[in-house]
Structure formats: C-alpha cells, structure tokens
Amino acid sequence: MDFAFSAEQEELRRTVRAFLADTSPESEVRRLMETPEGFDRDLWRRMGGELGLQGLAVPEEYGGAGCGPVEVGAVLEETGRALLCAPYLSSTVLATTTLLRSADEEARKRLLPGLASGELVATLALTEDSARWDAAGVALTARQSDGSWRLTGHKTFVLDGAAADIVLTVARTADDGIGVFVVDGDAAGLTRETLPTMDPTRRQARLDYHEVPAERLRTHGDGWDLVAEVLDRAAVALAAEQVGVASRALDMAVEYAKVRHQFGRPIGSFQAVKHLLADVLLEVESARAAAHFALLAAEQDDPRLPAVASLAKAFCSDACLQATGQNIQVHGGIGFTWEHPAHLYLKRAKTSQLLFGDPAYHRELLAQRIGMDAVEGAV
C-alpha cells in the first residue's frame, strides 16, 4: 500500500497552502480569534466557490467533486499548519460525513449542495456534561408527538455550534434507541452559547434544547451505528490535521534553531538540540504514516478502519503535543509570550488531543477492536 499522496493530491495541497498563506496569515488568525463567530463567512464561501474544498468528498450529483477522505486529509494537513479559523472539521467532516453515510436521500439532496458550496455551515452535536464519546453519554431526549419530533436537553463542547446553520443532534428516543436529528440553527427553543476554551482558534458551544422541533435522519439500523462510523472517520480526519499542526511546529523550531545564537554559534549546532529535533522529526513522520494509512483505510472502506482510526488518533495526538511542546522548549522564553504563535499551536494540540477521545480512550478502543481485551481476560 502506497502511503504517499499522488501528484494530483500534492498539487491540491500546494494550492491550499498558497491560498492559506494569502488568506490566513497569523495576523488574520489573531483577528478572527476575537470575532463573535470565530471565522470569516466570506472566506468560507470563497473556499467552497473558488477551490471547492468543502465539496471534495461530496458526490458530483450533490454539487461536489466526488473525491474522498484522502483529498480531505490533504486539505486538513494544510489547515492545521495555518491554524485556519473555519468550521472545516465540523461542517465538512462531521456533518457532511453524517449525511453521506446515512440512509436519508432527501436530506442529502436538500443539504449537501449548500454545504459543498460554503453557503451553509453544519455541525454534529454529541457530547454532554459527561464528555463521553459513546452511546452511554447521550441523555438528550427526542419525543415524538403528532408525527413530529421535539428535543429536550443540552449538548456541550459542540464544534462551531454557535454559528452553524444546521445542527445534526444525537438524541435518545423513548425506546432507548439513538437517533440523529436535523435541527435548524435558529429553531424555536434552541439557545446557543459560545464556551471559553483553551484554543481560541476553534470555537465550541453549549446548546440548550427546549422542545426544539427536529427532523429525524433516516439511518441504516440504529442511529448509534451511524454516529460510531462518523466518529471513526472524524478521528482519522483530525489525525491528518494534527500532522499539519505538528509539522509546522517542527518547522518553526528548526528555523529558530538556525538563527538563534548562543555562545557564538546557532543553538541548532548543539547536540542536545539536534537530538531533541531529531526525536520530534521521527514522531512527526511516524504520525504522518499513521494518518495516511488511516485515510486510505477510510477511502477504501477497509473493515480494519475502526482499529486503524483509534491507532492513528492516539499516535497523532501524542506526536502533535510533543512537537508543539518541544517547539516552545527550543524557543525558550519568547515561546511563552502571547505575541509569539508557538502557544497557539500548543493549545490546538492539547484540545485536539481530547477531541473525539483522548489517547488513553483510543488505546482502550484499539485493544477491544483487535481482541486484546478478550485475550487478557482469558489469561
């Protein structure tokens, strides 16, 4: 299996990098961090209209390019490098994947063209106060009355939840099953509050539902099967973004080690710094291999995808945190200042480590998925 991007995918990556260099420099990232929505709607539409980035994985019949997870992963590496303030992970990965993997053709026809063009922003609301990423963490209730559904409860840590036009909400039904429901962002009874978080470049929100009208998304079997599949694919996508974050942090550290002089020579000439950077390079390249393998598994609907997704998410989370932390170590005192961007990469790394489950959670999942827990229980 060839883990490398093809020539066309490399060209896509170069195009995205050049676009983000012009539209998402550090100054723009810092400006958007302070805005109410946390991203630029006009730029979001440009990304969809000019480059077609939001529609890469959307079939042509719904207004997309008909590509797949590998192309989306190439884009995510670059958005991670630039710390792009935009709902790409929430709308293009979480929401779009949920619709594509559902059994609801009507919802796909109605929503996917707007998501692909950038006219709409959507997200998936799953976690609650327990911060669990499994079915047991779903307490928000869905009640059917007179042929319509009403949702009551709350969700928290919802990516771009305050700005989304459409909120795909995971809820528990009266028969104790799990369903996914389409909710308009301005629906009656829905209140949204932006949460203060460690990472100011990626917004999260608390959503309160008070008898909110909703439309149930048709699924193949129980709704949790769909959510679990989406979470695996989202973990793979996030792993690709983490590679981009880690790669940029390594580049920053190497660049600084070349120009910062101490005792009359660049600090990069000292053996301790060389070893530190070599260790980070090994972690970053290993993470890139893990992420690319997982993207290919998602592309090919490989039955090993659940295990591979957990492996990639756990490894890339650790590698990203190490790279961004060591970047600050190499920079020394200046790396701790607000004016330097190093802390923004560390904050993205730390919050991404927890998103969709932390490394310990995914290592436990990996053990279950490859049968190691059964082997240990038999010993």
Protein backbone atom coordinates (compact mmCIF):
# COMPACT_ATOMS: atom_id res chain seq x y z
CA MET A 1 0.00 0.00 0.00
CA ASP A 2 1.41 3.40 -1.06
CA PHE A 3 1.00 5.91 1.76
CA ALA A 4 2.20 8.89 -0.29
CA PHE A 5 -0.11 11.43 -1.90
CA SER A 6 -0.49 11.21 -5.68
CA ALA A 7 0.74 14.01 -7.95
CA GLU A 8 -2.81 15.42 -8.12
CA GLN A 9 -3.18 15.32 -4.34
CA GLU A 10 0.18 17.02 -3.87
CA GLU A 11 -0.93 19.74 -6.26
CA LEU A 12 -4.12 20.17 -4.23
CA ARG A 13 -2.02 20.52 -1.09
CA ARG A 14 0.26 23.11 -2.70
CA THR A 15 -2.75 25.08 -3.92
CA VAL A 16 -4.34 25.07 -0.47
CA ARG A 17 -1.07 26.09 1.19
CA ALA A 18 -0.66 29.04 -1.17
CA PHE A 19 -4.29 30.06 -0.66
CA LEU A 20 -3.98 29.96 3.12
CA ALA A 21 -0.68 31.84 3.05
CA ASP A 22 -2.59 34.73 1.47
CA THR A 23 -5.87 34.47 3.37
CA SER A 24 -4.93 33.04 6.77
CA PRO A 25 -1.66 34.53 7.97
CA GLU A 26 -1.02 34.81 11.70
CA SER A 27 -2.45 38.33 11.78
CA GLU A 28 -5.76 37.12 10.33
CA VAL A 29 -5.89 34.15 12.71
CA ARG A 30 -5.48 36.52 15.64
CA ARG A 31 -8.16 38.85 14.28
CA LEU A 32 -10.69 36.06 13.80
CA MET A 33 -9.98 34.73 17.30
CA GLU A 34 -11.63 37.88 18.64
CA THR A 35 -14.73 37.89 16.42
CA PRO A 36 -18.14 36.57 17.55
CA GLU A 37 -18.34 33.71 15.03
CA GLY A 38 -14.63 32.93 15.02
CA PHE A 39 -14.35 32.70 11.23
CA ASP A 40 -14.94 34.73 8.09
CA ARG A 41 -18.13 33.78 6.22
CA ASP A 42 -16.91 35.39 3.00
CA LEU A 43 -13.68 33.40 3.10
CA TRP A 44 -15.69 30.25 3.83
CA ARG A 45 -17.74 30.85 0.68
CA ARG A 46 -14.56 31.51 -1.30
CA MET A 47 -13.15 28.19 -0.11
CA GLY A 48 -16.26 26.48 -1.45
CA GLY A 49 -16.79 28.54 -4.58
CA GLU A 50 -13.23 29.06 -5.82
CA LEU A 51 -11.44 25.95 -4.59
CA GLY A 52 -14.29 23.54 -3.89
CA LEU A 53 -12.69 22.45 -0.62
CA GLN A 54 -15.93 21.81 1.27
CA GLY A 55 -17.26 19.63 -1.53
CA LEU A 56 -14.21 17.43 -2.10
CA ALA A 57 -15.81 14.31 -0.62
CA VAL A 58 -19.33 15.15 -1.82
CA PRO A 59 -20.51 13.22 -4.91
CA GLU A 60 -20.97 15.25 -8.08
CA GLU A 61 -24.74 14.67 -8.03
CA TYR A 62 -24.92 16.83 -4.89
CA GLY A 63 -22.65 19.58 -6.19
CA GLY A 64 -19.30 18.20 -5.03
CA ALA A 65 -16.10 16.96 -6.64
CA GLY A 66 -16.59 13.26 -5.95
CA CYS A 67 -13.20 12.76 -4.30
CA GLY A 68 -12.71 11.13 -0.90
CA PRO A 69 -11.08 11.13 2.54
CA VAL A 70 -7.52 11.25 1.19
CA GLU A 71 -8.13 14.59 -0.54
CA VAL A 72 -9.88 15.94 2.54
CA GLY A 73 -6.91 14.78 4.61
CA ALA A 74 -4.52 16.66 2.34
CA VAL A 75 -6.53 19.84 2.93
CA LEU A 76 -6.66 19.25 6.67
CA GLU A 77 -2.88 18.97 6.91
CA GLU A 78 -2.67 22.45 5.44
CA THR A 79 -5.46 23.93 7.56
CA GLY A 80 -3.63 22.54 10.59
CA ARG A 81 -0.37 24.17 9.53
CA ALA A 82 -2.14 27.52 9.14
CA LEU A 83 -4.37 27.15 12.23
CA LEU A 84 -7.23 28.08 9.92
CA CYS A 85 -10.16 29.60 11.78
CA ALA A 86 -13.01 27.94 9.89
CA PRO A 87 -15.57 25.15 10.50
CA TYR A 88 -13.88 22.68 8.16
CA LEU A 89 -13.73 19.85 10.69
CA SER A 90 -17.26 20.38 11.98
CA SER A 91 -19.05 21.07 8.70
CA THR A 92 -17.02 19.31 6.00
CA VAL A 93 -16.06 16.27 8.08
CA LEU A 94 -18.58 15.69 10.87
CA ALA A 95 -21.81 16.94 9.30
CA THR A 96 -21.12 16.04 5.68
CA THR A 97 -19.93 12.55 6.60
CA THR A 98 -23.06 12.00 8.72
CA LEU A 99 -25.30 12.87 5.79
CA LEU A 100 -23.28 10.82 3.29
CA ARG A 101 -23.25 7.71 5.47
CA SER A 102 -26.95 7.99 6.39
CA ALA A 103 -29.85 6.42 4.52
CA ASP A 104 -31.64 9.75 4.01
CA GLU A 105 -31.54 10.65 0.33
CA GLU A 106 -33.95 13.57 0.76
CA ALA A 107 -31.73 15.17 3.41
CA ARG A 108 -28.66 14.70 1.21
CA LYS A 109 -30.33 16.41 -1.75
CA ARG A 110 -31.53 19.28 0.43
CA LEU A 111 -28.41 19.96 2.49
CA LEU A 112 -25.28 18.73 0.72
CA PRO A 113 -25.25 21.29 -2.13
CA GLY A 114 -25.23 24.15 0.39
CA LEU A 115 -22.52 22.50 2.47
CA ALA A 116 -20.39 21.83 -0.60
CA SER A 117 -20.64 25.42 -1.86
CA GLY A 118 -19.94 27.02 1.51
CA GLU A 119 -23.36 28.65 1.72
CA LEU A 120 -24.21 26.51 4.73
CA VAL A 121 -22.31 25.59 7.88
CA ALA A 122 -23.31 22.49 9.82
CA THR A 123 -22.05 20.54 12.80
CA LEU A 124 -22.71 17.39 14.83
CA ALA A 125 -23.82 17.80 18.44
CA LEU A 126 -22.98 14.70 20.50
CA THR A 127 -21.22 15.28 23.82
CA GLU A 128 -22.90 16.35 27.04
CA ASP A 129 -21.68 17.10 30.57
CA SER A 130 -20.17 13.63 30.92
CA ALA A 131 -17.89 14.43 27.93
CA ARG A 132 -18.29 10.80 26.83
CA TRP A 133 -17.90 9.79 23.21
CA ASP A 134 -20.01 6.61 23.44
CA ALA A 135 -23.74 5.90 23.38
CA ALA A 136 -23.94 5.86 27.17
CA GLY A 137 -23.14 9.57 27.20
CA VAL A 138 -26.30 10.51 25.26
CA ALA A 139 -29.02 11.79 27.59
CA LEU A 140 -30.76 14.43 25.47
CA THR A 141 -34.23 13.09 24.69
CA ALA A 142 -36.27 13.01 21.50
CA ARG A 143 -40.05 12.78 21.87
CA GLN A 144 -42.47 12.16 19.03
CA SER A 145 -45.86 13.86 19.14
CA ASP A 146 -48.42 14.24 16.35
CA GLY A 147 -45.94 13.00 13.80
CA SER A 148 -43.17 15.48 14.69
CA TRP A 149 -40.10 15.25 16.89
CA ARG A 150 -39.16 17.50 19.81
CA LEU A 151 -35.76 17.55 21.51
CA THR A 152 -35.14 18.41 25.16
CA GLY A 153 -31.82 18.55 26.97
CA HIS A 154 -28.44 20.06 26.20
CA LYS A 155 -25.19 19.47 24.36
CA THR A 156 -21.79 20.91 25.14
CA PHE A 157 -18.35 21.19 23.52
CA VAL A 158 -20.13 21.37 20.12
CA LEU A 159 -17.67 22.44 17.42
CA ASP A 160 -18.86 25.70 15.84
CA GLY A 161 -22.22 25.10 17.49
CA ALA A 162 -23.00 28.79 17.95
CA ALA A 163 -22.51 29.63 14.26
CA ALA A 164 -23.86 26.52 12.50
CA ASP A 165 -26.88 26.91 10.23
CA ILE A 166 -27.71 23.21 10.71
CA VAL A 167 -27.09 21.18 13.87
CA LEU A 168 -27.21 17.40 13.48
CA THR A 169 -28.13 16.35 17.01
CA VAL A 170 -27.68 12.93 18.57
CA ALA A 171 -30.58 12.10 20.92
CA ARG A 172 -32.10 9.21 22.84
CA THR A 173 -35.62 8.11 21.88
CA ALA A 174 -38.37 6.63 24.04
CA ASP A 175 -37.43 3.06 23.09
CA ASP A 176 -33.91 3.80 24.40
CA GLY A 177 -32.51 3.85 20.88
CA ILE A 178 -30.24 6.53 19.45
CA GLY A 179 -31.30 8.80 16.64
CA VAL A 180 -29.71 11.64 14.67
CA PHE A 181 -31.92 14.69 14.16
CA VAL A 182 -31.66 17.66 11.81
CA VAL A 183 -32.19 20.95 13.67
CA ASP A 184 -32.18 24.44 12.17
CA GLY A 185 -29.72 26.75 13.88
CA ASP A 186 -32.46 29.32 14.50
CA ALA A 187 -35.10 26.80 15.60
CA ALA A 188 -37.54 27.87 18.33
CA GLY A 189 -36.41 26.72 21.77
CA LEU A 190 -32.74 26.36 20.84
CA THR A 191 -30.30 28.61 22.69
CA ARG A 192 -26.57 28.66 21.94
CA GLU A 193 -23.68 29.96 23.98
CA THR A 194 -20.03 30.14 22.95
CA LEU A 195 -17.79 28.49 25.55
CA PRO A 196 -14.46 29.85 26.75
CA THR A 197 -11.89 27.24 25.76
CA MET A 198 -8.14 26.78 25.75
CA ASP A 199 -7.93 27.03 21.95
CA PRO A 200 -9.29 30.37 20.67
CA THR A 201 -8.83 29.29 17.03
CA ARG A 202 -11.57 26.64 17.20
CA ARG A 203 -14.94 27.57 18.68
CA GLN A 204 -17.05 25.31 20.86
CA ALA A 205 -20.53 25.94 22.23
CA ARG A 206 -23.18 24.80 24.66
CA LEU A 207 -26.60 24.20 23.12
CA ASP A 208 -29.80 24.06 25.20
CA TYR A 209 -32.88 22.42 23.70
CA HIS A 210 -36.35 23.24 24.99
CA GLU A 211 -38.88 21.24 22.98
CA VAL A 212 -36.94 22.06 19.82
CA PRO A 213 -38.60 20.87 16.57
CA ALA A 214 -36.45 18.42 14.64
CA GLU A 215 -36.47 16.05 11.70
CA ARG A 216 -35.15 12.54 12.22
CA LEU A 217 -32.42 11.47 9.83
CA ARG A 218 -33.07 8.07 8.30
CA THR A 219 -30.29 5.61 9.08
CA HIS A 220 -29.28 2.04 8.30
CA GLY A 221 -30.33 0.38 11.55
CA ASP A 222 -29.77 2.06 14.91
CA GLY A 223 -28.61 5.65 14.80
CA TRP A 224 -25.60 4.93 17.01
CA ASP A 225 -24.10 2.71 14.32
CA LEU A 226 -24.01 5.79 12.07
CA VAL A 227 -22.56 8.01 14.81
CA ALA A 228 -19.84 5.47 15.63
CA GLU A 229 -18.83 5.28 11.98
CA VAL A 230 -18.74 9.07 11.70
CA LEU A 231 -16.59 9.35 14.84
CA ASP A 232 -14.05 6.89 13.41
CA ARG A 233 -13.83 8.86 10.19
CA ALA A 234 -13.64 12.14 12.08
CA ALA A 235 -10.80 10.76 14.20
CA VAL A 236 -8.89 9.94 11.03
CA ALA A 237 -9.52 13.42 9.64
CA LEU A 238 -8.37 15.03 12.88
CA ALA A 239 -5.22 12.88 12.84
CA ALA A 240 -4.39 14.39 9.44
CA GLU A 241 -4.89 17.88 10.83
CA GLN A 242 -2.68 17.04 13.82
CA VAL A 243 0.09 16.05 11.41
CA GLY A 244 -0.15 19.51 9.86
CA VAL A 245 -0.01 21.22 13.26
CA ALA A 246 2.97 19.10 14.34
CA SER A 247 4.79 19.59 11.05
CA ARG A 248 4.50 23.37 11.28
CA ALA A 249 5.66 23.36 14.90
CA LEU A 250 8.74 21.33 13.90
CA ASP A 251 9.48 23.75 11.04
CA MET A 252 9.22 26.68 13.44
CA ALA A 253 11.63 25.04 15.88
CA VAL A 254 14.18 24.19 13.18
CA GLU A 255 14.03 27.69 11.70
CA TYR A 256 14.60 29.27 15.11
CA ALA A 257 17.43 26.87 15.98
CA LYS A 258 19.27 28.07 12.86
CA VAL A 259 19.07 31.79 13.65
CA ARG A 260 19.20 31.91 17.46
CA HIS A 261 22.82 32.22 18.55
CA GLN A 262 24.23 31.39 21.96
CA PHE A 263 27.91 31.26 22.91
CA GLY A 264 28.77 32.49 19.43
CA ARG A 265 27.02 29.74 17.46
CA PRO A 266 23.47 28.72 16.38
CA ILE A 267 21.69 26.71 19.08
CA GLY A 268 20.86 24.15 16.41
CA SER A 269 24.54 23.18 16.37
CA PHE A 270 24.37 21.90 19.95
CA GLN A 271 23.98 18.16 20.27
CA ALA A 272 21.14 18.38 22.81
CA VAL A 273 19.06 20.50 20.44
CA LYS A 274 19.89 18.24 17.48
CA HIS A 275 18.73 15.18 19.39
CA LEU A 276 15.53 16.91 20.51
CA LEU A 277 14.65 17.95 16.97
CA ALA A 278 15.57 14.53 15.56
CA ASP A 279 13.20 12.88 18.04
CA VAL A 280 10.40 15.26 17.03
CA LEU A 281 11.06 14.60 13.33
CA LEU A 282 10.75 10.86 13.94
CA GLU A 283 7.43 11.38 15.74
CA VAL A 284 6.05 13.68 13.05
CA GLU A 285 6.95 11.39 10.17
CA SER A 286 5.61 8.34 12.00
CA ALA A 287 2.38 10.23 12.68
CA ARG A 288 2.15 11.17 9.01
CA ALA A 289 2.46 7.50 8.02
CA ALA A 290 -0.23 6.50 10.52
CA ALA A 291 -2.59 9.24 9.36
CA HIS A 292 -2.09 8.46 5.67
CA PHE A 293 -2.68 4.76 6.25
CA ALA A 294 -5.90 5.60 8.11
CA LEU A 295 -7.03 7.93 5.31
CA LEU A 296 -6.53 5.13 2.78
CA ALA A 297 -8.48 2.74 5.01
CA ALA A 298 -11.35 5.25 5.11
CA GLU A 299 -11.12 5.76 1.34
CA GLN A 300 -11.37 2.02 0.69
CA ASP A 301 -13.98 1.26 3.38
CA ASP A 302 -11.42 -1.14 4.83
CA PRO A 303 -13.02 -3.33 7.53
CA ARG A 304 -9.98 -2.55 9.70
CA LEU A 305 -10.92 1.14 9.77
CA PRO A 306 -12.21 1.22 13.39
CA ALA A 307 -8.92 -0.18 14.72
CA VAL A 308 -6.81 1.93 12.39
CA ALA A 309 -8.74 5.07 13.32
CA SER A 310 -8.06 4.57 17.01
CA LEU A 311 -4.40 3.81 16.36
CA ALA A 312 -3.96 6.95 14.25
CA LYS A 313 -5.83 9.22 16.65
CA ALA A 314 -3.84 8.04 19.68
CA PHE A 315 -0.45 8.24 17.98
CA CYS A 316 -1.01 11.53 16.17
CA SER A 317 -2.38 13.17 19.32
CA ASP A 318 0.78 12.33 21.25
CA ALA A 319 3.08 13.31 18.39
CA CYS A 320 1.33 16.64 17.91
CA LEU A 321 1.52 17.51 21.60
CA GLN A 322 5.20 16.55 21.72
CA ALA A 323 6.07 18.62 18.63
CA THR A 324 4.26 21.74 19.81
CA GLY A 325 5.64 21.43 23.33
CA GLN A 326 9.22 20.98 22.15
CA ASN A 327 8.78 23.93 19.80
CA ILE A 328 8.25 26.11 22.85
CA GLN A 329 11.22 24.45 24.55
CA VAL A 330 13.51 25.35 21.65
CA HIS A 331 12.24 28.93 21.56
CA GLY A 332 12.79 29.37 25.28
CA GLY A 333 11.28 32.42 26.96
CA ILE A 334 9.92 34.00 23.78
CA GLY A 335 7.89 30.87 23.11
CA PHE A 336 5.80 31.53 26.22
CA THR A 337 4.75 35.03 25.19
CA TRP A 338 1.33 35.94 23.80
CA GLU A 339 2.92 37.69 20.84
CA HIS A 340 4.63 34.54 19.57
CA PRO A 341 2.45 31.96 17.72
CA ALA A 342 4.01 28.91 19.40
CA HIS A 343 1.42 28.86 22.19
CA LEU A 344 -1.44 28.84 19.67
CA TYR A 345 -0.13 25.60 18.17
CA LEU A 346 0.29 24.06 21.62
CA LYS A 347 -3.30 24.97 22.51
CA ARG A 348 -4.61 23.47 19.28
CA ALA A 349 -2.61 20.32 20.00
CA LYS A 350 -3.95 19.98 23.53
CA THR A 351 -7.61 20.47 22.64
CA SER A 352 -7.30 18.18 19.60
CA GLN A 353 -5.80 15.52 21.85
CA LEU A 354 -9.09 15.41 23.79
CA LEU A 355 -11.43 15.79 20.82
CA PHE A 356 -13.21 12.55 19.84
CA GLY A 357 -11.50 10.83 22.78
CA ASP A 358 -8.02 11.13 24.25
CA PRO A 359 -5.14 8.72 23.52
CA ALA A 360 -5.90 6.51 26.52
CA TYR A 361 -9.51 6.14 25.38
CA HIS A 362 -8.46 5.21 21.85
CA ARG A 363 -5.82 2.75 23.03
CA GLU A 364 -8.52 1.00 25.04
CA LEU A 365 -10.78 1.01 21.98
CA LEU A 366 -7.94 -0.35 19.87
CA ALA A 367 -7.40 -3.20 22.33
CA GLN A 368 -11.09 -4.05 22.17
CA ARG A 369 -11.25 -3.81 18.40
CA ILE A 370 -8.35 -6.17 17.78
CA GLY A 371 -9.45 -8.56 20.51
CA MET A 372 -6.66 -7.94 23.00
CA ASP A 373 -9.13 -7.41 25.87
CA ALA A 374 -10.53 -10.91 25.28
CA VAL A 375 -7.03 -12.38 25.30
CA GLU A 376 -6.15 -10.62 28.54
CA GLY A 377 -9.38 -11.80 30.15
CA ALA A 378 -8.60 -15.39 29.25
CA VAL A 379 -5.13 -15.31 30.80
